[in-house]
C-alpha atoms as a PDB file:
ATOM      1  CA  MET A   1      24.722 -20.851  35.825  1.00  0.00           C
ATOM      2  CA  SER A   2      26.230 -17.611  37.044  1.00  0.00           C
ATOM      3  CA  LYS A   3      24.442 -14.324  37.538  1.00  0.00           C
ATOM      4  CA  ASN A   4      26.677 -12.790  34.870  1.00  0.00           C
ATOM      5  CA  PHE A   5      25.398 -15.309  32.315  1.00  0.00           C
ATOM      6  CA  PHE A   6      21.807 -14.072  32.686  1.00  0.00           C
ATOM      7  CA  ILE A   7      22.878 -10.424  32.721  1.00  0.00           C
ATOM      8  CA  ASP A   8      24.923 -10.873  29.538  1.00  0.00           C
ATOM      9  CA  ASN A   9      22.030 -12.578  27.768  1.00  0.00           C
ATOM     10  CA  LEU A  10      19.591  -9.878  28.853  1.00  0.00           C
ATOM     11  CA  LYS A  11      21.982  -7.247  27.527  1.00  0.00           C
ATOM     12  CA  THR A  12      22.236  -9.099  24.218  1.00  0.00           C
ATOM     13  CA  LEU A  13      18.460  -9.302  23.904  1.00  0.00           C
ATOM     14  CA  PHE A  14      18.112  -5.623  24.801  1.00  0.00           C
ATOM     15  CA  TYR A  15      20.688  -4.528  22.202  1.00  0.00           C
ATOM     16  CA  ALA A  16      19.075  -6.758  19.575  1.00  0.00           C
ATOM     17  CA  LEU A  17      15.675  -5.202  20.344  1.00  0.00           C
ATOM     18  CA  VAL A  18      17.079  -1.672  20.084  1.00  0.00           C
ATOM     19  CA  ILE A  19      18.761  -2.447  16.766  1.00  0.00           C
ATOM     20  CA  ALA A  20      15.558  -4.028  15.410  1.00  0.00           C
ATOM     21  CA  ILE A  21      13.518  -0.954  16.414  1.00  0.00           C
ATOM     22  CA  ILE A  22      16.049   1.378  14.775  1.00  0.00           C
ATOM     23  CA  ILE A  23      16.055  -0.635  11.532  1.00  0.00           C
ATOM     24  CA  ARG A  24      12.251  -0.860  11.534  1.00  0.00           C
ATOM     25  CA  SER A  25      11.837   2.843  12.252  1.00  0.00           C
ATOM     26  CA  ILE A  26      14.343   4.501   9.948  1.00  0.00           C
ATOM     27  CA  ILE A  27      15.359   1.997   7.275  1.00  0.00           C
ATOM     28  CA  ILE A  28      12.964  -0.775   6.301  1.00  0.00           C
ATOM     29  CA  GLN A  29       9.851  -2.486   7.662  1.00  0.00           C
ATOM     30  CA  PRO A  30       7.946  -5.611   6.607  1.00  0.00           C
ATOM     31  CA  PHE A  31       4.206  -5.433   5.943  1.00  0.00           C
ATOM     32  CA  TYR A  32       1.533  -8.037   5.248  1.00  0.00           C
ATOM     33  CA  ILE A  33      -1.231  -7.586   2.645  1.00  0.00           C
ATOM     34  CA  PRO A  34      -4.575  -8.527   4.281  1.00  0.00           C
ATOM     35  CA  SER A  35      -7.022  -7.391   1.587  1.00  0.00           C
ATOM     36  CA  SER A  36      -7.556  -7.577  -2.163  1.00  0.00           C
ATOM     37  CA  SER A  37      -7.778  -3.806  -2.761  1.00  0.00           C
ATOM     38  CA  MET A  38      -4.488  -3.740  -4.690  1.00  0.00           C
ATOM     39  CA  GLU A  39      -5.045  -6.815  -6.868  1.00  0.00           C
ATOM     40  CA  PRO A  40      -3.689  -7.874  -9.284  1.00  0.00           C
ATOM     41  CA  ASN A  41      -0.425  -6.161  -8.275  1.00  0.00           C
ATOM     42  CA  LEU A  42      -0.534  -7.112  -4.596  1.00  0.00           C
ATOM     43  CA  LEU A  43      -2.292 -10.273  -3.432  1.00  0.00           C
ATOM     44  CA  VAL A  44      -3.634 -11.257  -0.037  1.00  0.00           C
ATOM     45  CA  GLY A  45      -0.772 -13.108   1.627  1.00  0.00           C
ATOM     46  CA  ASP A  46       2.037 -11.031   0.088  1.00  0.00           C
ATOM     47  CA  ARG A  47       4.713  -9.917   2.537  1.00  0.00           C
ATOM     48  CA  LEU A  48       6.657  -6.900   1.386  1.00  0.00           C
ATOM     49  CA  PHE A  49       9.342  -4.485   2.461  1.00  0.00           C
ATOM     50  CA  VAL A  50       8.650  -0.760   2.789  1.00  0.00           C
ATOM     51  CA  THR A  51      11.490   1.762   2.949  1.00  0.00           C
ATOM     52  CA  LYS A  52      10.926   4.268   5.754  1.00  0.00           C
ATOM     53  CA  TYR A  53      13.474   6.817   4.530  1.00  0.00           C
ATOM     54  CA  SER A  54      11.779   7.405   1.156  1.00  0.00           C
ATOM     55  CA  TYR A  55       9.674  10.372   2.308  1.00  0.00           C
ATOM     56  CA  GLY A  56      11.472  11.371   5.491  1.00  0.00           C
ATOM     57  CA  TYR A  57      10.178  10.742   8.997  1.00  0.00           C
ATOM     58  CA  SER A  58       7.183  11.653  11.119  1.00  0.00           C
ATOM     59  CA  LYS A  59       5.897  10.260  14.402  1.00  0.00           C
ATOM     60  CA  HIS A  60       4.220   7.520  12.366  1.00  0.00           C
ATOM     61  CA  SER A  61       7.645   6.208  11.356  1.00  0.00           C
ATOM     62  CA  PHE A  62       8.026   4.771  14.838  1.00  0.00           C
ATOM     63  CA  PRO A  63       6.135   1.999  16.655  1.00  0.00           C
ATOM     64  CA  PHE A  64       2.937   3.284  18.304  1.00  0.00           C
ATOM     65  CA  SER A  65       3.412   6.752  16.708  1.00  0.00           C
ATOM     66  CA  PRO A  66       4.956   8.503  19.754  1.00  0.00           C
ATOM     67  CA  PRO A  67       4.594  12.330  19.640  1.00  0.00           C
ATOM     68  CA  ILE A  68       8.338  12.901  19.815  1.00  0.00           C
ATOM     69  CA  PHE A  69       8.306  15.702  17.229  1.00  0.00           C
ATOM     70  CA  LYS A  70       5.894  17.553  14.967  1.00  0.00           C
ATOM     71  CA  GLY A  71       5.685  17.439  11.183  1.00  0.00           C
ATOM     72  CA  ARG A  72       8.287  15.605   9.102  1.00  0.00           C
ATOM     73  CA  ILE A  73      12.060  15.711   9.184  1.00  0.00           C
ATOM     74  CA  LEU A  74      14.292  15.030   6.181  1.00  0.00           C
ATOM     75  CA  SER A  75      11.082  15.312   4.176  1.00  0.00           C
ATOM     76  CA  LYS A  76      10.990  14.151   0.548  1.00  0.00           C
ATOM     77  CA  LYS A  77       8.019  14.473  -1.782  1.00  0.00           C
ATOM     78  CA  PRO A  78       6.438  11.240  -3.048  1.00  0.00           C
ATOM     79  CA  SER A  79       5.913  10.750  -6.770  1.00  0.00           C
ATOM     80  CA  ARG A  80       2.623  10.164  -8.521  1.00  0.00           C
ATOM     81  CA  GLY A  81       2.196   6.414  -9.009  1.00  0.00           C
ATOM     82  CA  ASP A  82       4.153   5.369  -5.910  1.00  0.00           C
ATOM     83  CA  VAL A  83       2.666   2.502  -3.905  1.00  0.00           C
ATOM     84  CA  VAL A  84       2.604   3.926  -0.389  1.00  0.00           C
ATOM     85  CA  VAL A  85       1.865   2.724   3.131  1.00  0.00           C
ATOM     86  CA  PHE A  86       0.137   5.373   5.242  1.00  0.00           C
ATOM     87  CA  LYS A  87      -1.832   5.744   8.458  1.00  0.00           C
ATOM     88  CA  THR A  88      -5.535   6.289   7.838  1.00  0.00           C
ATOM     89  CA  PRO A  89      -6.667   9.804   8.786  1.00  0.00           C
ATOM     90  CA  SER A  90      -9.746   8.413  10.546  1.00  0.00           C
ATOM     91  CA  ASP A  91      -7.743   6.895  13.404  1.00  0.00           C
ATOM     92  CA  ASN A  92      -4.054   7.672  12.696  1.00  0.00           C
ATOM     93  CA  ARG A  93      -3.338   4.071  13.630  1.00  0.00           C
ATOM     94  CA  THR A  94      -4.373   1.655  10.866  1.00  0.00           C
ATOM     95  CA  ASP A  95      -1.916   0.977   8.049  1.00  0.00           C
ATOM     96  CA  TYR A  96      -3.264   1.140   4.487  1.00  0.00           C
ATOM     97  CA  ILE A  97      -1.419   0.559   1.235  1.00  0.00           C
ATOM     98  CA  LYS A  98      -2.602   2.265  -1.954  1.00  0.00           C
ATOM     99  CA  ARG A  99      -1.316   3.952  -5.103  1.00  0.00           C
ATOM    100  CA  LEU A 100      -0.667   7.687  -5.039  1.00  0.00           C
ATOM    101  CA  ILE A 101      -2.795   9.320  -7.733  1.00  0.00           C
ATOM    102  CA  GLY A 102      -3.390  12.926  -6.684  1.00  0.00           C
ATOM    103  CA  LEU A 103      -0.858  15.520  -5.527  1.00  0.00           C
ATOM    104  CA  PRO A 104      -1.650  18.704  -3.566  1.00  0.00           C
ATOM    105  CA  GLY A 105      -3.838  20.999  -5.647  1.00  0.00           C
ATOM    106  CA  ASP A 106      -4.888  18.300  -8.131  1.00  0.00           C
ATOM    107  CA  LEU A 107      -8.466  17.882  -9.320  1.00  0.00           C
ATOM    108  CA  ILE A 108      -9.451  14.192  -9.409  1.00  0.00           C
ATOM    109  CA  GLN A 109     -12.668  12.814 -10.870  1.00  0.00           C
ATOM    110  CA  PHE A 110     -14.134   9.660 -12.412  1.00  0.00           C
ATOM    111  CA  ILE A 111     -16.337  10.296 -15.449  1.00  0.00           C
ATOM    112  CA  ASP A 112     -18.102   7.359 -17.136  1.00  0.00           C
ATOM    113  CA  GLY A 113     -15.669   4.971 -15.498  1.00  0.00           C
ATOM    114  CA  ASP A 114     -12.541   6.842 -16.634  1.00  0.00           C
ATOM    115  CA  LEU A 115     -10.045   8.519 -14.314  1.00  0.00           C
ATOM    116  CA  PHE A 116      -9.353  12.220 -14.888  1.00  0.00           C
ATOM    117  CA  ILE A 117      -6.523  14.226 -13.319  1.00  0.00           C
ATOM    118  CA  ASN A 118      -6.774  17.992 -13.709  1.00  0.00           C
ATOM    119  CA  ARG A 119      -9.472  17.468 -16.367  1.00  0.00           C
ATOM    120  CA  ASN A 120      -7.153  15.265 -18.466  1.00  0.00           C
ATOM    121  CA  GLN A 121      -8.167  11.645 -18.954  1.00  0.00           C
ATOM    122  CA  VAL A 122      -5.631   9.091 -17.771  1.00  0.00           C
ATOM    123  CA  LEU A 123      -4.643   6.906 -20.715  1.00  0.00           C
ATOM    124  CA  LYS A 124      -6.141   3.452 -20.185  1.00  0.00           C
ATOM    125  CA  THR A 125      -5.347   0.535 -22.490  1.00  0.00           C
ATOM    126  CA  ARG A 126      -7.340  -2.670 -22.125  1.00  0.00           C
ATOM    127  CA  ILE A 127      -5.079  -5.706 -21.927  1.00  0.00           C
ATOM    128  CA  ALA A 128      -7.594  -8.385 -20.913  1.00  0.00           C
ATOM    129  CA  THR A 129     -11.329  -8.956 -20.553  1.00  0.00           C
ATOM    130  CA  ASN A 130     -13.272 -11.240 -18.240  1.00  0.00           C
ATOM    131  CA  ASP A 131     -10.433 -11.766 -15.783  1.00  0.00           C
ATOM    132  CA  LYS A 132     -11.330 -12.888 -12.265  1.00  0.00           C
ATOM    133  CA  ILE A 133     -10.261 -10.900  -9.205  1.00  0.00           C
ATOM    134  CA  TYR A 134     -10.971 -11.451  -5.525  1.00  0.00           C
ATOM    135  CA  CYS A 135     -12.923  -8.908  -3.495  1.00  0.00           C
ATOM    136  CA  GLY A 136     -12.878 -10.328   0.001  1.00  0.00           C
ATOM    137  CA  ASN A 137     -14.361 -13.820  -0.374  1.00  0.00           C
ATOM    138  CA  LYS A 138     -16.173 -12.898  -3.581  1.00  0.00           C
ATOM    139  CA  ILE A 139     -14.818 -13.265  -7.091  1.00  0.00           C
ATOM    140  CA  LEU A 140     -15.449 -10.350  -9.438  1.00  0.00           C
ATOM    141  CA  PRO A 141     -15.385 -10.455 -13.248  1.00  0.00           C
ATOM    142  CA  VAL A 142     -13.128  -7.574 -14.305  1.00  0.00           C
ATOM    143  CA  ASN A 143     -11.563  -5.890 -17.281  1.00  0.00           C
ATOM    144  CA  THR A 144      -7.830  -5.381 -16.925  1.00  0.00           C
ATOM    145  CA  PHE A 145      -6.118  -2.205 -18.082  1.00  0.00           C
ATOM    146  CA  GLU A 146      -2.706  -0.631 -18.216  1.00  0.00           C
ATOM    147  CA  GLU A 147      -2.996   2.959 -17.009  1.00  0.00           C
ATOM    148  CA  LYS A 148      -0.429   5.667 -17.722  1.00  0.00           C
ATOM    149  CA  LEU A 149      -0.240   8.642 -15.375  1.00  0.00           C
ATOM    150  CA  PRO A 150       0.812  12.154 -16.450  1.00  0.00           C
ATOM    151  CA  ASN A 151       4.392  11.474 -15.286  1.00  0.00           C
ATOM    152  CA  SER A 152       4.493   8.351 -17.532  1.00  0.00           C
ATOM    153  CA  VAL A 153       4.258   5.850 -14.653  1.00  0.00           C
ATOM    154  CA  LYS A 154       2.453   2.730 -15.868  1.00  0.00           C
ATOM    155  CA  TYR A 155       0.674   0.093 -13.797  1.00  0.00           C
ATOM    156  CA  VAL A 156      -2.125  -2.466 -14.083  1.00  0.00           C
ATOM    157  CA  SER A 157      -5.608  -1.702 -12.760  1.00  0.00           C
ATOM    158  CA  VAL A 158      -8.869  -3.634 -12.859  1.00  0.00           C
ATOM    159  CA  TYR A 159     -12.477  -2.490 -13.119  1.00  0.00           C
ATOM    160  CA  ASN A 160     -15.630  -4.523 -12.574  1.00  0.00           C
ATOM    161  CA  SER A 161     -16.776  -5.717 -16.001  1.00  0.00           C
ATOM    162  CA  GLU A 162     -20.291  -4.558 -15.114  1.00  0.00           C
ATOM    163  CA  TYR A 163     -18.918  -1.019 -14.622  1.00  0.00           C
ATOM    164  CA  SER A 164     -20.411  -0.603 -11.176  1.00  0.00           C
ATOM    165  CA  PHE A 165     -18.170   2.388 -10.448  1.00  0.00           C
ATOM    166  CA  GLN A 166     -18.868   5.169 -12.940  1.00  0.00           C
ATOM    167  CA  ASN A 167     -18.935   8.762 -11.756  1.00  0.00           C
ATOM    168  CA  THR A 168     -17.764  10.739  -8.745  1.00  0.00           C
ATOM    169  CA  ASP A 169     -17.825  14.256  -7.431  1.00  0.00           C
ATOM    170  CA  LYS A 170     -14.774  16.410  -8.032  1.00  0.00           C
ATOM    171  CA  PHE A 171     -12.005  15.832  -5.489  1.00  0.00           C
ATOM    172  CA  ILE A 172      -9.690  18.816  -4.985  1.00  0.00           C
ATOM    173  CA  VAL A 173      -6.615  17.709  -3.036  1.00  0.00           C
ATOM    174  CA  PRO A 174      -5.804  20.162  -0.195  1.00  0.00           C
ATOM    175  CA  PRO A 175      -2.290  21.514   0.443  1.00  0.00           C
ATOM    176  CA  LYS A 176       0.061  19.002   2.094  1.00  0.00           C
ATOM    177  CA  HIS A 177      -2.367  16.157   1.344  1.00  0.00           C
ATOM    178  CA  TYR A 178      -2.461  13.280  -1.150  1.00  0.00           C
ATOM    179  CA  PHE A 179      -5.154  11.270  -2.930  1.00  0.00           C
ATOM    180  CA  PHE A 180      -4.837   7.474  -3.064  1.00  0.00           C
ATOM    181  CA  LEU A 181      -6.637   4.753  -5.030  1.00  0.00           C
ATOM    182  CA  GLY A 182      -6.558   0.966  -4.889  1.00  0.00           C
ATOM    183  CA  ASP A 183      -5.668  -0.769  -8.164  1.00  0.00           C
ATOM    184  CA  ASN A 184      -8.718  -3.016  -7.683  1.00  0.00           C
ATOM    185  CA  ARG A 185     -10.992  -0.056  -8.308  1.00  0.00           C
ATOM    186  CA  ASP A 186     -14.358  -1.621  -7.397  1.00  0.00           C
ATOM    187  CA  CYS A 187     -13.002  -3.234  -4.248  1.00  0.00           C
ATOM    188  CA  SER A 188     -11.004  -0.573  -2.450  1.00  0.00           C
ATOM    189  CA  LYS A 189     -11.730   1.767   0.425  1.00  0.00           C
ATOM    190  CA  ASP A 190      -9.533   4.727  -0.460  1.00  0.00           C
ATOM    191  CA  SER A 191      -9.521   8.517  -0.875  1.00  0.00           C
ATOM    192  CA  ARG A 192     -12.845   8.416  -2.705  1.00  0.00           C
ATOM    193  CA  PHE A 193     -14.451   7.684   0.669  1.00  0.00           C
ATOM    194  CA  LEU A 194     -13.993  10.925   2.578  1.00  0.00           C
ATOM    195  CA  SER A 195     -15.578   9.726   5.823  1.00  0.00           C
ATOM    196  CA  SER A 196     -13.192   6.793   6.296  1.00  0.00           C
ATOM    197  CA  VAL A 197     -10.008   7.589   4.340  1.00  0.00           C
ATOM    198  CA  GLY A 198     -10.261  10.758   2.278  1.00  0.00           C
ATOM    199  CA  TYR A 199      -7.271  12.999   1.713  1.00  0.00           C
ATOM    200  CA  VAL A 200      -4.103  11.824   3.466  1.00  0.00           C
ATOM    201  CA  HIS A 201      -1.844  14.378   5.163  1.00  0.00           C
ATOM    202  CA  GLU A 202       1.858  14.193   4.375  1.00  0.00           C
ATOM    203  CA  ASN A 203       2.600  13.435   8.035  1.00  0.00           C
ATOM    204  CA  ASN A 204       0.629  10.183   7.725  1.00  0.00           C
ATOM    205  CA  LEU A 205       2.950   8.723   5.094  1.00  0.00           C
ATOM    206  CA  VAL A 206       4.857   5.739   6.466  1.00  0.00           C
ATOM    207  CA  GLY A 207       6.980   4.613   3.523  1.00  0.00           C
ATOM    208  CA  LYS A 208       7.265   3.382  -0.040  1.00  0.00           C
ATOM    209  CA  ALA A 209       6.547  -0.252  -0.948  1.00  0.00           C
ATOM    210  CA  ARG A 210       9.564  -1.733  -2.719  1.00  0.00           C
ATOM    211  CA  PHE A 211       9.405  -5.497  -3.238  1.00  0.00           C
ATOM    212  CA  ILE A 212       7.696  -8.695  -2.127  1.00  0.00           C
ATOM    213  CA  PHE A 213       9.918 -11.035  -0.128  1.00  0.00           C
ATOM    214  CA  PHE A 214       7.388 -13.809   0.593  1.00  0.00           C
ATOM    215  CA  SER A 215       3.886 -14.778  -0.507  1.00  0.00           C
ATOM    216  CA  SER A 216       1.428 -17.508   0.425  1.00  0.00           C
ATOM    217  CA  ASP A 217      -2.164 -18.326  -0.497  1.00  0.00           C
ATOM    218  CA  TYR A 218      -4.065 -18.776   2.760  1.00  0.00           C
ATOM    219  CA  LYS A 219      -7.076 -20.138   0.874  1.00  0.00           C
ATOM    220  CA  LYS A 220      -5.036 -23.253   0.060  1.00  0.00           C
ATOM    221  CA  GLY A 221      -3.899 -23.905   3.601  1.00  0.00           C
ATOM    222  CA  SER A 222      -1.422 -22.972   6.327  1.00  0.00           C
ATOM    223  CA  ILE A 223       2.279 -22.635   5.551  1.00  0.00           C
ATOM    224  CA  PHE A 224       2.861 -25.113   8.392  1.00  0.00           C
ATOM    225  CA  LYS A 225       1.585 -27.798   6.006  1.00  0.00           C
ATOM    226  CA  PHE A 226       5.020 -28.138   4.444  1.00  0.00           C
ATOM    227  CA  TRP A 227       3.912 -31.099   2.321  1.00  0.00           C
ATOM    228  CA  LYS A 228       1.628 -28.681   0.401  1.00  0.00           C
ATOM    229  CA  TRP A 229       4.144 -25.864  -0.042  1.00  0.00           C
ATOM    230  CA  ASN A 230       4.068 -26.261  -3.813  1.00  0.00           C
ATOM    231  CA  GLU A 231       0.393 -25.200  -3.699  1.00  0.00           C
ATOM    232  CA  ILE A 232       0.429 -22.753  -0.774  1.00  0.00           C
ATOM    233  CA  ILE A 233       3.621 -20.754  -1.312  1.00  0.00           C
ATOM    234  CA  ARG A 234       3.782 -18.465  -4.351  1.00  0.00           C
ATOM    235  CA  PHE A 235       7.463 -18.904  -5.123  1.00  0.00           C
ATOM    236  CA  ASN A 236       7.111 -16.915  -8.354  1.00  0.00           C
ATOM    237  CA  ARG A 237       6.341 -13.759  -6.327  1.00  0.00           C
ATOM    238  CA  PHE A 238       9.490 -13.861  -4.205  1.00  0.00           C
ATOM    239  CA  PHE A 239      11.617 -10.686  -4.620  1.00  0.00           C
ATOM    240  CA  LYS A 240       9.168  -9.240  -7.128  1.00  0.00           C
ATOM    241  CA  LYS A 241       9.582  -5.479  -7.478  1.00  0.00           C
ATOM    242  CA  ILE A 242       6.457  -3.444  -6.776  1.00  0.00           C
ATOM    243  CA  LYS A 243       5.503  -1.156  -9.639  1.00  0.00           C
END
């Protein structure tokens, strides 16, 4: 084989890598769901696409968060109810995915198990009782609700049927920050935990979750066991839009 053959192939690989980085940084990026904090809407094993252009770009839009510029460029405000990927404020490195509940200046509080935004109770309609939801390796009995935010966005949330999570302090969202919750309310480390997540600065937003492109249930085996695909792969979740 000639020297030119290797050089041409290296060039091809280099260009492909550059194109992949550009697409991943400014257009769309795949993410994997590793925890049950967003059940029942997102399950462990879901793979989804997140659009990077939805809120503009910060250093966290790029691999390894290089400090190539400050703040955000082409910035767009997220909407209440969006499912968002962000970098945790505690280390500015770990990706979390949660639902945006509180905007800058909002007052957020749980009172007797109900969510309040700016002292107004979020409408919560029970749609099922005694459902079962994973929390890590545990299975929790939950009540399932449809919640409606002030901007009319609706989504499904679950609460432990024993109502283990009842009341909180008042959370006042600082300027340029956002407040996030997991839909699996009793099994989510989110903005309620100020020491680990807390309020998320706008520069930490990575992108908006759009749809699931693949899903598998690791508890039933590896996807390499193709003879068990009918049990392992959740075909009904393919291309499901994230609400």
